[in-house]
Amino acid sequence: MYHLKTLVKLESSDDEIEDFCRAHIRYDGVRQYYVDFSLQLENYDRAIQILVNGRKCGQIDGLRGLVQKYSRQLLTLYKRSERPEAYRQELWDFVTTYSPADLEAYQELKTLYPAADWPAEREKLLAALPKHANVAQFYAEDHLYQELLQTVLAQRGLIGVQTYEKLLTPKFSRQLLQKYVAVAQQMAEQTGDRQHYRDIVKILNKMTTFPMGMSTVDHLIQEWRVKYARRPAMLDELKRFDGSQM
């Protein structure tokens, strides 16, 4: 980069600068300069090709951050140079591959399809996503609450449930409560320190905000008092819950 800046400072010819950039294109700083240099000359085709090649190299080398960066730049250039098909394809690839389940990109992609066509396109997109992708946010975005419920119930722990609780509770309070029960039971099966049992009590407290939650918690506590009678720390924390809630 020092050499490149020196060439620019000395007002070297465009050809000399381009030769240097091509020779050292593997460096991100050089590639970025070459893109900017091409844009200054209004050579969009070359700038795009530089980024496409960089994205491919990043994929081969497993450099996810660079792949996302180059893809975002390509989106900007496709939009600026009015290439709608290339823009839509790049956005599709960004959501499904380069930055799986990116909500902002998903929202943008959605605007590129007629409303009547989007459900079919969405199914294709969901099928193209890797298994680890966070599809729950897409279901929430499109008000697909049944699919959202199934997704968060299948997840381990309560993060998904708690994230989308406000959306799901009006229609699915019973199912959410049962998820809390399942997680609380799993935690109760494991011995732990005082903090572990306090975390269980926090879940119990949350359960009381659901319809039938208080009676469900009462049943759990009675069951645990018998089942875990030899855990004084756990029983002590449950007494604290008893004193504040029941």
C-alpha atoms as a PDB file:
ATOM      1  CA  MET A   1       0.000   0.000   0.000  1.00  0.00           C
ATOM      2  CA  TYR A   2       2.916   2.318   0.686  1.00  0.00           C
ATOM      3  CA  HIS A   3       4.265   1.585  -2.799  1.00  0.00           C
ATOM      4  CA  LEU A   4       0.843   2.145  -4.328  1.00  0.00           C
ATOM      5  CA  LYS A   5       0.363   5.445  -2.505  1.00  0.00           C
ATOM      6  CA  THR A   6       3.808   6.512  -3.697  1.00  0.00           C
ATOM      7  CA  LEU A   7       2.873   5.775  -7.305  1.00  0.00           C
ATOM      8  CA  VAL A   8      -0.256   7.874  -6.922  1.00  0.00           C
ATOM      9  CA  LYS A   9       1.656  10.694  -5.214  1.00  0.00           C
ATOM     10  CA  LEU A  10       4.200  10.746  -8.026  1.00  0.00           C
ATOM     11  CA  GLU A  11       1.332  10.960 -10.518  1.00  0.00           C
ATOM     12  CA  SER A  12       2.365   7.762 -12.289  1.00  0.00           C
ATOM     13  CA  SER A  13       0.518   6.801 -15.444  1.00  0.00           C
ATOM     14  CA  ASP A  14      -2.791   4.985 -15.265  1.00  0.00           C
ATOM     15  CA  ASP A  15      -1.222   1.996 -16.965  1.00  0.00           C
ATOM     16  CA  GLU A  16       1.542   1.759 -14.371  1.00  0.00           C
ATOM     17  CA  ILE A  17      -0.946   1.988 -11.514  1.00  0.00           C
ATOM     18  CA  GLU A  18      -3.189  -0.641 -13.102  1.00  0.00           C
ATOM     19  CA  ASP A  19      -0.254  -2.999 -13.653  1.00  0.00           C
ATOM     20  CA  PHE A  20       0.723  -2.670 -10.006  1.00  0.00           C
ATOM     21  CA  CYS A  21      -2.858  -3.273  -8.841  1.00  0.00           C
ATOM     22  CA  ARG A  22      -3.228  -6.374 -10.989  1.00  0.00           C
ATOM     23  CA  ALA A  23       0.084  -7.739  -9.733  1.00  0.00           C
ATOM     24  CA  HIS A  24      -0.930  -7.323  -6.074  1.00  0.00           C
ATOM     25  CA  ILE A  25      -4.685  -7.786  -6.297  1.00  0.00           C
ATOM     26  CA  ARG A  26      -4.608 -10.483  -3.596  1.00  0.00           C
ATOM     27  CA  TYR A  27      -4.321  -7.740  -0.979  1.00  0.00           C
ATOM     28  CA  ASP A  28      -7.686  -6.306   0.020  1.00  0.00           C
ATOM     29  CA  GLY A  29      -6.334  -2.749   0.255  1.00  0.00           C
ATOM     30  CA  VAL A  30      -5.017  -2.928  -3.303  1.00  0.00           C
ATOM     31  CA  ARG A  31      -8.247  -4.455  -4.558  1.00  0.00           C
ATOM     32  CA  GLN A  32     -10.273  -1.706  -2.923  1.00  0.00           C
ATOM     33  CA  TYR A  33      -8.072   0.959  -4.461  1.00  0.00           C
ATOM     34  CA  TYR A  34      -8.368  -0.689  -7.885  1.00  0.00           C
ATOM     35  CA  VAL A  35     -12.170  -0.673  -7.563  1.00  0.00           C
ATOM     36  CA  ASP A  36     -12.178   3.019  -6.641  1.00  0.00           C
ATOM     37  CA  PHE A  37      -9.686   3.780  -9.390  1.00  0.00           C
ATOM     38  CA  SER A  38     -11.919   2.041 -11.949  1.00  0.00           C
ATOM     39  CA  LEU A  39     -14.969   3.927 -10.720  1.00  0.00           C
ATOM     40  CA  GLN A  40     -13.150   7.222 -11.054  1.00  0.00           C
ATOM     41  CA  LEU A  41     -12.686   6.321 -14.708  1.00  0.00           C
ATOM     42  CA  GLU A  42     -16.387   5.311 -14.804  1.00  0.00           C
ATOM     43  CA  ASN A  43     -15.377   1.785 -15.736  1.00  0.00           C
ATOM     44  CA  TYR A  44     -18.200  -0.031 -13.938  1.00  0.00           C
ATOM     45  CA  ASP A  45     -17.660  -3.314 -15.742  1.00  0.00           C
ATOM     46  CA  ARG A  46     -14.089  -3.578 -14.535  1.00  0.00           C
ATOM     47  CA  ALA A  47     -14.952  -2.521 -10.992  1.00  0.00           C
ATOM     48  CA  ILE A  48     -17.665  -5.173 -10.870  1.00  0.00           C
ATOM     49  CA  GLN A  49     -15.367  -7.875 -12.228  1.00  0.00           C
ATOM     50  CA  ILE A  50     -12.699  -7.000  -9.668  1.00  0.00           C
ATOM     51  CA  LEU A  51     -15.230  -7.477  -6.878  1.00  0.00           C
ATOM     52  CA  VAL A  52     -16.674 -10.667  -8.368  1.00  0.00           C
ATOM     53  CA  ASN A  53     -13.189 -12.165  -8.542  1.00  0.00           C
ATOM     54  CA  GLY A  54     -12.455 -11.002  -5.017  1.00  0.00           C
ATOM     55  CA  ARG A  55     -15.646 -12.587  -3.727  1.00  0.00           C
ATOM     56  CA  LYS A  56     -14.732 -15.891  -5.376  1.00  0.00           C
ATOM     57  CA  CYS A  57     -11.250 -15.801  -3.862  1.00  0.00           C
ATOM     58  CA  GLY A  58     -12.720 -15.011  -0.469  1.00  0.00           C
ATOM     59  CA  GLN A  59     -15.027 -18.021  -0.714  1.00  0.00           C
ATOM     60  CA  ILE A  60     -12.140 -20.305  -1.642  1.00  0.00           C
ATOM     61  CA  ASP A  61     -10.056 -19.010   1.276  1.00  0.00           C
ATOM     62  CA  GLY A  62     -12.979 -19.121   3.715  1.00  0.00           C
ATOM     63  CA  LEU A  63     -12.843 -15.364   4.368  1.00  0.00           C
ATOM     64  CA  ARG A  64     -16.502 -14.810   5.128  1.00  0.00           C
ATOM     65  CA  GLY A  65     -16.086 -11.178   6.131  1.00  0.00           C
ATOM     66  CA  LEU A  66     -14.469 -10.257   2.828  1.00  0.00           C
ATOM     67  CA  VAL A  67     -17.084 -12.201   0.868  1.00  0.00           C
ATOM     68  CA  GLN A  68     -19.862 -10.247   2.555  1.00  0.00           C
ATOM     69  CA  LYS A  69     -18.015  -6.977   2.041  1.00  0.00           C
ATOM     70  CA  TYR A  70     -17.479  -7.536  -1.687  1.00  0.00           C
ATOM     71  CA  SER A  71     -21.065  -8.707  -2.131  1.00  0.00           C
ATOM     72  CA  ARG A  72     -22.376  -5.545  -0.469  1.00  0.00           C
ATOM     73  CA  GLN A  73     -20.217  -3.450  -2.757  1.00  0.00           C
ATOM     74  CA  LEU A  74     -21.509  -5.342  -5.763  1.00  0.00           C
ATOM     75  CA  LEU A  75     -25.063  -4.642  -4.677  1.00  0.00           C
ATOM     76  CA  THR A  76     -24.248  -0.943  -4.560  1.00  0.00           C
ATOM     77  CA  LEU A  77     -22.642  -0.995  -8.015  1.00  0.00           C
ATOM     78  CA  TYR A  78     -25.432  -3.030  -9.602  1.00  0.00           C
ATOM     79  CA  LYS A  79     -27.953  -0.572  -8.246  1.00  0.00           C
ATOM     80  CA  ARG A  80     -25.948   2.480  -9.280  1.00  0.00           C
ATOM     81  CA  SER A  81     -25.362   1.146 -12.786  1.00  0.00           C
ATOM     82  CA  GLU A  82     -29.043   0.133 -13.144  1.00  0.00           C
ATOM     83  CA  ARG A  83     -28.607  -3.614 -13.537  1.00  0.00           C
ATOM     84  CA  PRO A  84     -31.779  -4.918 -11.867  1.00  0.00           C
ATOM     85  CA  GLU A  85     -31.373  -8.602 -12.713  1.00  0.00           C
ATOM     86  CA  ALA A  86     -27.795  -8.701 -11.480  1.00  0.00           C
ATOM     87  CA  TYR A  87     -28.846  -6.784  -8.379  1.00  0.00           C
ATOM     88  CA  ARG A  88     -31.655  -9.215  -7.575  1.00  0.00           C
ATOM     89  CA  GLN A  89     -29.455 -12.266  -8.127  1.00  0.00           C
ATOM     90  CA  GLU A  90     -26.685 -10.846  -5.949  1.00  0.00           C
ATOM     91  CA  LEU A  91     -29.214 -10.033  -3.230  1.00  0.00           C
ATOM     92  CA  TRP A  92     -30.602 -13.566  -3.427  1.00  0.00           C
ATOM     93  CA  ASP A  93     -27.100 -15.029  -3.126  1.00  0.00           C
ATOM     94  CA  PHE A  94     -26.332 -12.676  -0.247  1.00  0.00           C
ATOM     95  CA  VAL A  95     -29.367 -13.830   1.753  1.00  0.00           C
ATOM     96  CA  THR A  96     -28.961 -17.527   1.011  1.00  0.00           C
ATOM     97  CA  THR A  97     -25.176 -17.920   0.922  1.00  0.00           C
ATOM     98  CA  TYR A  98     -22.910 -14.993   1.743  1.00  0.00           C
ATOM     99  CA  SER A  99     -24.806 -13.742   4.805  1.00  0.00           C
ATOM    100  CA  PRO A 100     -27.475 -16.378   5.468  1.00  0.00           C
ATOM    101  CA  ALA A 101     -30.758 -15.068   6.853  1.00  0.00           C
ATOM    102  CA  ASP A 102     -29.735 -11.396   6.770  1.00  0.00           C
ATOM    103  CA  LEU A 103     -33.034  -9.712   7.627  1.00  0.00           C
ATOM    104  CA  GLU A 104     -32.329  -6.340   6.007  1.00  0.00           C
ATOM    105  CA  ALA A 105     -31.338  -7.992   2.731  1.00  0.00           C
ATOM    106  CA  TYR A 106     -34.406 -10.245   2.959  1.00  0.00           C
ATOM    107  CA  GLN A 107     -36.647  -7.216   3.330  1.00  0.00           C
ATOM    108  CA  GLU A 108     -35.025  -5.575   0.317  1.00  0.00           C
ATOM    109  CA  LEU A 109     -35.322  -8.735  -1.765  1.00  0.00           C
ATOM    110  CA  LYS A 110     -39.001  -8.975  -0.905  1.00  0.00           C
ATOM    111  CA  THR A 111     -39.640  -5.565  -2.468  1.00  0.00           C
ATOM    112  CA  LEU A 112     -38.296  -6.793  -5.812  1.00  0.00           C
ATOM    113  CA  TYR A 113     -41.135  -9.271  -6.337  1.00  0.00           C
ATOM    114  CA  PRO A 114     -44.849  -8.692  -6.863  1.00  0.00           C
ATOM    115  CA  ALA A 115     -46.777  -9.478  -3.691  1.00  0.00           C
ATOM    116  CA  ALA A 116     -48.581 -12.350  -5.401  1.00  0.00           C
ATOM    117  CA  ASP A 117     -45.285 -13.971  -6.421  1.00  0.00           C
ATOM    118  CA  TRP A 118     -43.457 -13.579  -3.132  1.00  0.00           C
ATOM    119  CA  PRO A 119     -44.839 -16.650  -1.255  1.00  0.00           C
ATOM    120  CA  ALA A 120     -43.517 -19.003  -3.946  1.00  0.00           C
ATOM    121  CA  GLU A 121     -40.169 -17.189  -4.084  1.00  0.00           C
ATOM    122  CA  ARG A 122     -39.957 -17.251  -0.308  1.00  0.00           C
ATOM    123  CA  GLU A 123     -40.344 -21.029  -0.301  1.00  0.00           C
ATOM    124  CA  LYS A 124     -37.478 -21.342  -2.777  1.00  0.00           C
ATOM    125  CA  LEU A 125     -35.354 -19.030  -0.652  1.00  0.00           C
ATOM    126  CA  LEU A 126     -36.073 -20.908   2.567  1.00  0.00           C
ATOM    127  CA  ALA A 127     -35.187 -24.181   0.869  1.00  0.00           C
ATOM    128  CA  ALA A 128     -31.864 -22.699  -0.279  1.00  0.00           C
ATOM    129  CA  LEU A 129     -30.795 -21.586   3.190  1.00  0.00           C
ATOM    130  CA  PRO A 130     -28.303 -23.614   5.243  1.00  0.00           C
ATOM    131  CA  LYS A 131     -29.792 -25.561   8.136  1.00  0.00           C
ATOM    132  CA  HIS A 132     -28.248 -23.298  10.775  1.00  0.00           C
ATOM    133  CA  ALA A 133     -29.817 -20.121   9.341  1.00  0.00           C
ATOM    134  CA  ASN A 134     -32.088 -18.124  11.633  1.00  0.00           C
ATOM    135  CA  VAL A 135     -35.343 -18.383   9.689  1.00  0.00           C
ATOM    136  CA  ALA A 136     -37.476 -17.350  12.667  1.00  0.00           C
ATOM    137  CA  GLN A 137     -36.946 -13.675  11.877  1.00  0.00           C
ATOM    138  CA  PHE A 138     -38.259 -14.233   8.347  1.00  0.00           C
ATOM    139  CA  TYR A 139     -41.408 -15.882   9.659  1.00  0.00           C
ATOM    140  CA  ALA A 140     -41.889 -12.974  12.049  1.00  0.00           C
ATOM    141  CA  GLU A 141     -41.323 -10.463   9.248  1.00  0.00           C
ATOM    142  CA  ASP A 142     -43.986 -12.108   7.058  1.00  0.00           C
ATOM    143  CA  HIS A 143     -46.419 -12.815   9.929  1.00  0.00           C
ATOM    144  CA  LEU A 144     -46.170 -16.571   9.512  1.00  0.00           C
ATOM    145  CA  TYR A 145     -46.857 -17.224  13.159  1.00  0.00           C
ATOM    146  CA  GLN A 146     -47.549 -20.965  12.935  1.00  0.00           C
ATOM    147  CA  GLU A 147     -44.179 -21.540  11.278  1.00  0.00           C
ATOM    148  CA  LEU A 148     -42.545 -19.180  13.743  1.00  0.00           C
ATOM    149  CA  LEU A 149     -44.017 -21.113  16.656  1.00  0.00           C
ATOM    150  CA  GLN A 150     -42.798 -24.448  15.319  1.00  0.00           C
ATOM    151  CA  THR A 151     -39.331 -23.018  14.797  1.00  0.00           C
ATOM    152  CA  VAL A 152     -38.873 -21.568  18.290  1.00  0.00           C
ATOM    153  CA  LEU A 153     -40.380 -24.622  19.977  1.00  0.00           C
ATOM    154  CA  ALA A 154     -37.857 -26.824  18.180  1.00  0.00           C
ATOM    155  CA  GLN A 155     -34.930 -24.743  19.418  1.00  0.00           C
ATOM    156  CA  ARG A 156     -33.009 -25.613  22.547  1.00  0.00           C
ATOM    157  CA  GLY A 157     -33.587 -23.286  25.459  1.00  0.00           C
ATOM    158  CA  LEU A 158     -35.820 -20.247  25.591  1.00  0.00           C
ATOM    159  CA  ILE A 159     -34.030 -17.599  23.539  1.00  0.00           C
ATOM    160  CA  GLY A 160     -36.319 -17.988  20.525  1.00  0.00           C
ATOM    161  CA  VAL A 161     -39.454 -18.141  22.626  1.00  0.00           C
ATOM    162  CA  GLN A 162     -38.480 -15.057  24.590  1.00  0.00           C
ATOM    163  CA  THR A 163     -37.505 -13.156  21.445  1.00  0.00           C
ATOM    164  CA  TYR A 164     -40.892 -13.634  19.771  1.00  0.00           C
ATOM    165  CA  GLU A 165     -43.072 -14.043  22.846  1.00  0.00           C
ATOM    166  CA  LYS A 166     -45.077 -10.873  22.285  1.00  0.00           C
ATOM    167  CA  LEU A 167     -45.990 -11.957  18.776  1.00  0.00           C
ATOM    168  CA  LEU A 168     -46.876 -15.515  19.713  1.00  0.00           C
ATOM    169  CA  THR A 169     -48.538 -15.267  23.114  1.00  0.00           C
ATOM    170  CA  PRO A 170     -51.965 -14.000  21.927  1.00  0.00           C
ATOM    171  CA  LYS A 171     -52.553 -17.180  19.896  1.00  0.00           C
ATOM    172  CA  PHE A 172     -50.171 -19.729  21.339  1.00  0.00           C
ATOM    173  CA  SER A 173     -49.864 -19.105  25.076  1.00  0.00           C
ATOM    174  CA  ARG A 174     -50.504 -22.780  25.912  1.00  0.00           C
ATOM    175  CA  GLN A 175     -47.719 -24.011  23.623  1.00  0.00           C
ATOM    176  CA  LEU A 176     -45.292 -21.410  24.934  1.00  0.00           C
ATOM    177  CA  LEU A 177     -46.089 -22.324  28.515  1.00  0.00           C
ATOM    178  CA  GLN A 178     -45.388 -25.977  27.758  1.00  0.00           C
ATOM    179  CA  LYS A 179     -42.022 -24.986  26.300  1.00  0.00           C
ATOM    180  CA  TYR A 180     -41.200 -23.187  29.554  1.00  0.00           C
ATOM    181  CA  VAL A 181     -42.257 -26.287  31.467  1.00  0.00           C
ATOM    182  CA  ALA A 182     -40.021 -28.519  29.340  1.00  0.00           C
ATOM    183  CA  VAL A 183     -36.996 -26.268  29.815  1.00  0.00           C
ATOM    184  CA  ALA A 184     -37.634 -25.912  33.554  1.00  0.00           C
ATOM    185  CA  GLN A 185     -37.899 -29.688  33.894  1.00  0.00           C
ATOM    186  CA  GLN A 186     -34.634 -30.181  32.003  1.00  0.00           C
ATOM    187  CA  MET A 187     -32.874 -27.674  34.234  1.00  0.00           C
ATOM    188  CA  ALA A 188     -34.335 -29.230  37.372  1.00  0.00           C
ATOM    189  CA  GLU A 189     -32.957 -32.633  36.407  1.00  0.00           C
ATOM    190  CA  GLN A 190     -29.452 -31.196  36.596  1.00  0.00           C
ATOM    191  CA  THR A 191     -27.835 -30.486  39.933  1.00  0.00           C
ATOM    192  CA  GLY A 192     -26.127 -27.139  40.283  1.00  0.00           C
ATOM    193  CA  ASP A 193     -25.156 -24.270  42.517  1.00  0.00           C
ATOM    194  CA  ARG A 194     -27.473 -21.663  44.007  1.00  0.00           C
ATOM    195  CA  GLN A 195     -27.409 -19.568  40.825  1.00  0.00           C
ATOM    196  CA  HIS A 196     -28.596 -22.528  38.792  1.00  0.00           C
ATOM    197  CA  TYR A 197     -31.629 -22.922  41.031  1.00  0.00           C
ATOM    198  CA  ARG A 198     -32.271 -19.187  41.011  1.00  0.00           C
ATOM    199  CA  ASP A 199     -32.349 -19.333  37.224  1.00  0.00           C
ATOM    200  CA  ILE A 200     -35.013 -22.020  37.472  1.00  0.00           C
ATOM    201  CA  VAL A 201     -37.044 -19.806  39.794  1.00  0.00           C
ATOM    202  CA  LYS A 202     -36.796 -16.965  37.260  1.00  0.00           C
ATOM    203  CA  ILE A 203     -38.360 -19.249  34.690  1.00  0.00           C
ATOM    204  CA  LEU A 204     -41.107 -20.168  37.139  1.00  0.00           C
ATOM    205  CA  ASN A 205     -41.787 -16.489  37.762  1.00  0.00           C
ATOM    206  CA  LYS A 206     -42.108 -15.920  34.031  1.00  0.00           C
ATOM    207  CA  MET A 207     -44.492 -18.836  33.689  1.00  0.00           C
ATOM    208  CA  THR A 208     -46.925 -17.202  36.092  1.00  0.00           C
ATOM    209  CA  THR A 209     -47.591 -14.473  33.508  1.00  0.00           C
ATOM    210  CA  PHE A 210     -49.279 -17.003  31.198  1.00  0.00           C
ATOM    211  CA  PRO A 211     -52.876 -18.181  31.523  1.00  0.00           C
ATOM    212  CA  MET A 212     -52.846 -21.281  33.761  1.00  0.00           C
ATOM    213  CA  GLY A 213     -49.244 -20.459  34.572  1.00  0.00           C
ATOM    214  CA  MET A 214     -49.671 -20.220  38.328  1.00  0.00           C
ATOM    215  CA  SER A 215     -51.356 -23.594  38.649  1.00  0.00           C
ATOM    216  CA  THR A 216     -48.716 -25.139  36.379  1.00  0.00           C
ATOM    217  CA  VAL A 217     -45.931 -23.763  38.544  1.00  0.00           C
ATOM    218  CA  ASP A 218     -47.688 -24.964  41.695  1.00  0.00           C
ATOM    219  CA  HIS A 219     -47.856 -28.477  40.250  1.00  0.00           C
ATOM    220  CA  LEU A 220     -44.167 -28.420  39.288  1.00  0.00           C
ATOM    221  CA  ILE A 221     -43.051 -27.277  42.720  1.00  0.00           C
ATOM    222  CA  GLN A 222     -45.071 -29.952  44.489  1.00  0.00           C
ATOM    223  CA  GLU A 223     -43.580 -32.566  42.186  1.00  0.00           C
ATOM    224  CA  TRP A 224     -40.034 -31.319  42.719  1.00  0.00           C
ATOM    225  CA  ARG A 225     -40.346 -31.193  46.495  1.00  0.00           C
ATOM    226  CA  VAL A 226     -40.870 -34.938  46.447  1.00  0.00           C
ATOM    227  CA  LYS A 227     -38.565 -35.852  43.576  1.00  0.00           C
ATOM    228  CA  TYR A 228     -35.644 -33.690  44.705  1.00  0.00           C
ATOM    229  CA  ALA A 229     -36.100 -33.926  48.455  1.00  0.00           C
ATOM    230  CA  ARG A 230     -32.354 -34.418  48.923  1.00  0.00           C
ATOM    231  CA  ARG A 231     -31.429 -31.112  47.326  1.00  0.00           C
ATOM    232  CA  PRO A 232     -31.621 -28.588  50.153  1.00  0.00           C
ATOM    233  CA  ALA A 233     -30.285 -25.686  48.065  1.00  0.00           C
ATOM    234  CA  MET A 234     -32.907 -26.228  45.377  1.00  0.00           C
ATOM    235  CA  LEU A 235     -35.724 -26.581  47.901  1.00  0.00           C
ATOM    236  CA  ASP A 236     -34.553 -23.442  49.670  1.00  0.00           C
ATOM    237  CA  GLU A 237     -34.744 -21.424  46.443  1.00  0.00           C
ATOM    238  CA  LEU A 238     -38.213 -22.834  45.763  1.00  0.00           C
ATOM    239  CA  LYS A 239     -39.268 -21.620  49.214  1.00  0.00           C
ATOM    240  CA  ARG A 240     -38.140 -18.152  48.230  1.00  0.00           C
ATOM    241  CA  PHE A 241     -40.414 -18.429  45.211  1.00  0.00           C
ATOM    242  CA  ASP A 242     -43.244 -19.630  47.437  1.00  0.00           C
ATOM    243  CA  GLY A 243     -42.837 -16.643  49.706  1.00  0.00           C
ATOM    244  CA  SER A 244     -43.022 -14.075  46.869  1.00  0.00           C
ATOM    245  CA  GLN A 245     -45.513 -15.611  44.500  1.00  0.00           C
ATOM    246  CA  MET A 246     -47.914 -18.073  46.146  1.00  0.00           C
END
